[in-house]
Amino acid sequence: MAKSTCPVITGEQYCYEEEVKLEMKEEWMVNHGGFVIKDIHGKELFQVKNHLLSHEILDMEGNKVAELVKKKMAMRVTYHIYTGEEMSERRATMNLRAMTFKKKAHVYLLEAPYPTRDDSTELPDNPALKIQAENWGSWIKETKIFNAETEEVYAELSKSAAEEELEGCGKAYIMTVKPGVDVVFMCLCAVYFNVAIKQEAAGGAS
């Protein structure tokens, strides 16, 4: 297994020895703006289902792998990542940091024993990861997910060259995940960033 400093949130089975390229495609008509995630050969790997205040990532057998849940009454657009039995372990918290010329989010990792859904959370002083868009107002052109301290890049996203504006289909993105990195964790970061920017544009965090 290739070495990476990226923490494993959802399981070693989602870390691969080689670089992985994925297509993430929004599907408005059949998935209410959720994503279908495929490999570059077109094989479906995961599906993201949207709910009012949460987003589930499922494998293709319908098993829930992780869940993004919105934090209510937050100053910034903030979501928690839950994994484990019954999706009860809060493993990370992400919040949006709007900059003048860039969009950025901080990812804070939590330590065991992990908080549950009913627990309050005191975040670490510093984020473990950052998500950053290189172009103002849009994450679809150039976005990277990287180590906040060393700036080691874990994943990069760009607009899919094969994107088609068809009725019932949303945008398509290509995500390149580095060797040894938790692919599902990177998908969660990408989905959060997409959702958070849209929510901020629509009027804020709460």
Protein backbone atom coordinates (compact mmCIF):
# COMPACT_ATOMS: atom_id res chain seq x y z
CA MET A 1 0.00 0.00 0.00
CA ALA A 2 1.34 3.41 -0.95
CA LYS A 3 2.09 5.64 2.02
CA SER A 4 -0.08 8.68 2.62
CA THR A 5 -0.46 10.99 5.57
CA CYS A 6 -4.19 11.28 4.92
CA PRO A 7 -6.25 9.84 7.79
CA VAL A 8 -8.53 6.89 7.04
CA ILE A 9 -12.09 7.78 8.02
CA THR A 10 -14.27 5.18 6.35
CA GLY A 11 -12.04 2.09 6.04
CA GLU A 12 -8.81 0.70 4.62
CA GLN A 13 -10.84 -1.07 1.90
CA TYR A 14 -11.35 2.36 0.28
CA CYS A 15 -7.60 3.08 0.06
CA TYR A 16 -5.96 1.95 -3.17
CA GLU A 17 -2.36 1.34 -4.13
CA GLU A 18 -2.62 3.35 -7.34
CA GLU A 19 -3.99 6.75 -8.19
CA VAL A 20 -7.76 6.66 -8.71
CA LYS A 21 -9.76 8.78 -11.16
CA LEU A 22 -13.47 9.17 -10.53
CA GLU A 23 -16.34 10.91 -12.25
CA MET A 24 -18.83 12.60 -9.93
CA LYS A 25 -22.06 13.48 -11.70
CA GLU A 26 -25.08 15.31 -10.34
CA GLU A 27 -28.42 13.77 -11.23
CA TRP A 28 -31.30 16.09 -10.55
CA MET A 29 -34.20 14.11 -11.99
CA VAL A 30 -33.45 10.73 -10.43
CA ASN A 31 -31.42 11.67 -7.35
CA HIS A 32 -32.62 15.16 -6.34
CA GLY A 33 -29.23 16.73 -7.03
CA GLY A 34 -27.24 13.90 -5.48
CA PHE A 35 -24.22 12.32 -7.13
CA VAL A 36 -23.44 9.09 -8.90
CA ILE A 37 -19.74 8.28 -8.58
CA LYS A 38 -18.09 6.11 -11.24
CA ASP A 39 -14.61 5.02 -12.16
CA ILE A 40 -13.15 6.16 -15.49
CA HIS A 41 -14.45 3.00 -17.16
CA GLY A 42 -18.04 3.90 -16.28
CA LYS A 43 -18.50 1.41 -13.44
CA GLU A 44 -20.73 2.80 -10.70
CA LEU A 45 -19.04 2.71 -7.29
CA PHE A 46 -21.10 4.93 -4.99
CA GLN A 47 -24.26 6.97 -4.88
CA VAL A 48 -24.89 10.10 -2.84
CA LYS A 49 -28.51 10.56 -1.76
CA ASN A 50 -29.69 13.98 -0.66
CA HIS A 51 -32.03 14.67 2.24
CA LEU A 52 -33.13 17.97 3.74
CA LEU A 53 -30.26 18.25 6.22
CA SER A 54 -28.05 15.31 5.31
CA HIS A 55 -26.35 13.44 2.49
CA GLU A 56 -25.77 9.67 2.52
CA ILE A 57 -23.05 7.91 0.57
CA LEU A 58 -24.01 4.36 -0.36
CA ASP A 59 -22.12 1.55 -2.04
CA MET A 60 -23.74 -0.09 -5.05
CA GLU A 61 -25.33 -2.76 -2.85
CA GLY A 62 -27.21 -0.04 -1.02
CA ASN A 63 -25.13 -0.15 2.16
CA LYS A 64 -24.59 3.17 3.87
CA VAL A 65 -20.86 3.93 4.09
CA ALA A 66 -20.95 7.39 5.68
CA GLU A 67 -23.25 10.35 6.21
CA LEU A 68 -22.88 14.12 6.07
CA VAL A 69 -25.18 15.89 8.53
CA LYS A 70 -25.67 19.65 8.70
CA LYS A 71 -25.04 21.42 11.99
CA LYS A 72 -27.95 23.70 12.84
CA MET A 73 -27.50 27.31 13.97
CA ALA A 74 -23.86 27.56 12.91
CA MET A 75 -22.09 30.79 12.00
CA ARG A 76 -20.59 29.10 8.94
CA VAL A 77 -21.96 26.33 6.70
CA THR A 78 -20.91 23.37 8.86
CA TYR A 79 -21.38 19.62 8.40
CA HIS A 80 -20.32 16.58 10.41
CA ILE A 81 -19.13 13.24 8.97
CA TYR A 82 -20.62 10.17 10.67
CA THR A 83 -19.46 6.58 10.22
CA GLY A 84 -19.48 3.38 12.31
CA GLU A 85 -22.38 1.29 13.51
CA GLU A 86 -25.68 3.02 12.81
CA MET A 87 -23.69 6.04 11.55
CA SER A 88 -23.29 7.21 15.16
CA GLU A 89 -19.57 8.12 15.30
CA ARG A 90 -18.75 11.74 14.49
CA ARG A 91 -15.37 11.50 12.79
CA ALA A 92 -14.87 14.96 11.31
CA THR A 93 -16.37 18.43 11.10
CA MET A 94 -16.11 20.74 8.08
CA ASN A 95 -16.87 24.44 7.80
CA LEU A 96 -16.69 26.95 4.96
CA ARG A 97 -14.30 29.88 5.06
CA ALA A 98 -15.15 32.41 2.36
CA MET A 99 -12.10 34.35 1.20
CA THR A 100 -11.91 37.39 -1.08
CA PHE A 101 -10.66 35.58 -4.16
CA LYS A 102 -10.99 31.95 -3.19
CA LYS A 103 -13.38 29.55 -1.54
CA LYS A 104 -11.91 27.47 1.26
CA ALA A 105 -13.14 24.94 3.81
CA HIS A 106 -11.46 23.57 6.92
CA VAL A 107 -11.70 19.90 7.89
CA TYR A 108 -11.26 19.09 11.59
CA LEU A 109 -10.65 15.49 12.65
CA LEU A 110 -12.02 14.15 15.93
CA GLU A 111 -10.37 11.57 18.17
CA ALA A 112 -11.69 8.44 19.87
CA PRO A 113 -13.86 8.03 21.82
CA TYR A 114 -15.80 9.68 19.01
CA PRO A 115 -18.70 12.03 19.81
CA THR A 116 -22.17 10.82 18.91
CA ARG A 117 -24.98 12.76 17.29
CA ASP A 118 -26.20 14.19 20.58
CA ASP A 119 -22.79 15.30 21.85
CA SER A 120 -21.40 18.79 21.60
CA THR A 121 -18.03 19.06 19.89
CA GLU A 122 -14.99 21.10 20.83
CA LEU A 123 -12.95 21.36 17.66
CA PRO A 124 -9.15 21.16 17.61
CA ASP A 125 -7.29 24.45 17.35
CA ASN A 126 -6.17 23.76 13.80
CA PRO A 127 -7.73 21.91 10.84
CA ALA A 128 -6.12 18.71 9.60
CA LEU A 129 -7.15 19.24 5.97
CA LYS A 130 -8.19 22.12 3.78
CA ILE A 131 -10.33 22.24 0.65
CA GLN A 132 -9.60 25.15 -1.64
CA ALA A 133 -10.98 26.39 -4.94
CA GLU A 134 -8.50 28.27 -7.10
CA ASN A 135 -11.17 30.38 -8.79
CA TRP A 136 -13.49 32.84 -7.09
CA GLY A 137 -17.08 31.76 -6.82
CA SER A 138 -16.74 28.27 -8.27
CA TRP A 139 -15.12 25.03 -7.15
CA ILE A 140 -15.56 23.29 -10.48
CA LYS A 141 -12.49 24.68 -12.26
CA GLU A 142 -9.60 23.81 -9.96
CA THR A 143 -10.05 22.47 -6.45
CA LYS A 144 -7.65 20.59 -4.22
CA ILE A 145 -7.95 18.76 -0.90
CA PHE A 146 -4.70 18.85 1.01
CA ASN A 147 -2.90 18.54 4.34
CA ALA A 148 -3.30 21.83 6.21
CA GLU A 149 0.22 21.75 7.63
CA THR A 150 2.40 20.19 4.92
CA GLU A 151 0.17 21.04 1.93
CA GLU A 152 0.49 17.46 0.65
CA VAL A 153 -2.28 17.11 -1.92
CA TYR A 154 -4.67 14.19 -1.36
CA ALA A 155 -7.14 14.81 -4.18
CA GLU A 156 -7.84 17.26 -7.01
CA LEU A 157 -11.08 18.10 -8.77
CA SER A 158 -11.85 19.68 -12.11
CA LYS A 159 -14.79 20.11 -14.43
CA SER A 160 -15.31 17.04 -16.60
CA ALA A 161 -14.37 17.58 -20.24
CA ALA A 162 -17.13 15.13 -21.13
CA GLU A 163 -19.86 17.04 -19.30
CA GLU A 164 -23.13 17.20 -21.18
CA GLU A 165 -25.91 19.65 -20.36
CA LEU A 166 -28.81 17.21 -20.67
CA GLU A 167 -32.26 17.47 -19.15
CA GLY A 168 -32.23 15.68 -15.81
CA CYS A 169 -28.45 15.79 -15.47
CA GLY A 170 -26.33 18.23 -13.51
CA LYS A 171 -22.66 19.00 -13.61
CA ALA A 172 -19.92 16.41 -13.91
CA TYR A 173 -16.55 16.53 -12.23
CA ILE A 174 -13.37 14.49 -12.41
CA MET A 175 -11.64 13.75 -9.11
CA THR A 176 -8.12 12.36 -8.95
CA VAL A 177 -7.32 10.68 -5.62
CA LYS A 178 -3.70 10.01 -4.72
CA PRO A 179 -2.43 6.51 -3.81
CA GLY A 180 -3.20 5.32 -0.28
CA VAL A 181 -5.86 7.99 0.33
CA ASP A 182 -9.36 7.16 1.64
CA VAL A 183 -11.46 7.58 -1.52
CA VAL A 184 -14.79 7.83 0.30
CA PHE A 185 -13.40 10.49 2.63
CA MET A 186 -12.35 12.55 -0.41
CA CYS A 187 -15.81 12.09 -1.96
CA LEU A 188 -17.38 13.36 1.27
CA CYS A 189 -15.13 16.42 1.21
CA ALA A 190 -16.05 17.14 -2.42
CA VAL A 191 -19.79 16.71 -1.83
CA TYR A 192 -19.62 18.94 1.26
CA PHE A 193 -17.76 21.69 -0.62
CA ASN A 194 -20.29 21.65 -3.44
CA VAL A 195 -23.23 21.77 -1.02
CA ALA A 196 -21.69 24.42 1.24
CA ILE A 197 -20.93 26.85 -1.59
CA LYS A 198 -24.47 26.50 -2.93
CA GLN A 199 -25.95 27.04 0.54
CA GLU A 200 -23.78 30.09 1.17
CA ALA A 201 -24.84 31.58 -2.17
CA ALA A 202 -28.48 30.93 -1.26
CA GLY A 203 -28.28 32.88 1.95
CA GLY A 204 -26.02 31.49 4.63
CA ALA A 205 -25.35 28.77 7.14
CA SER A 206 -28.50 28.39 9.20
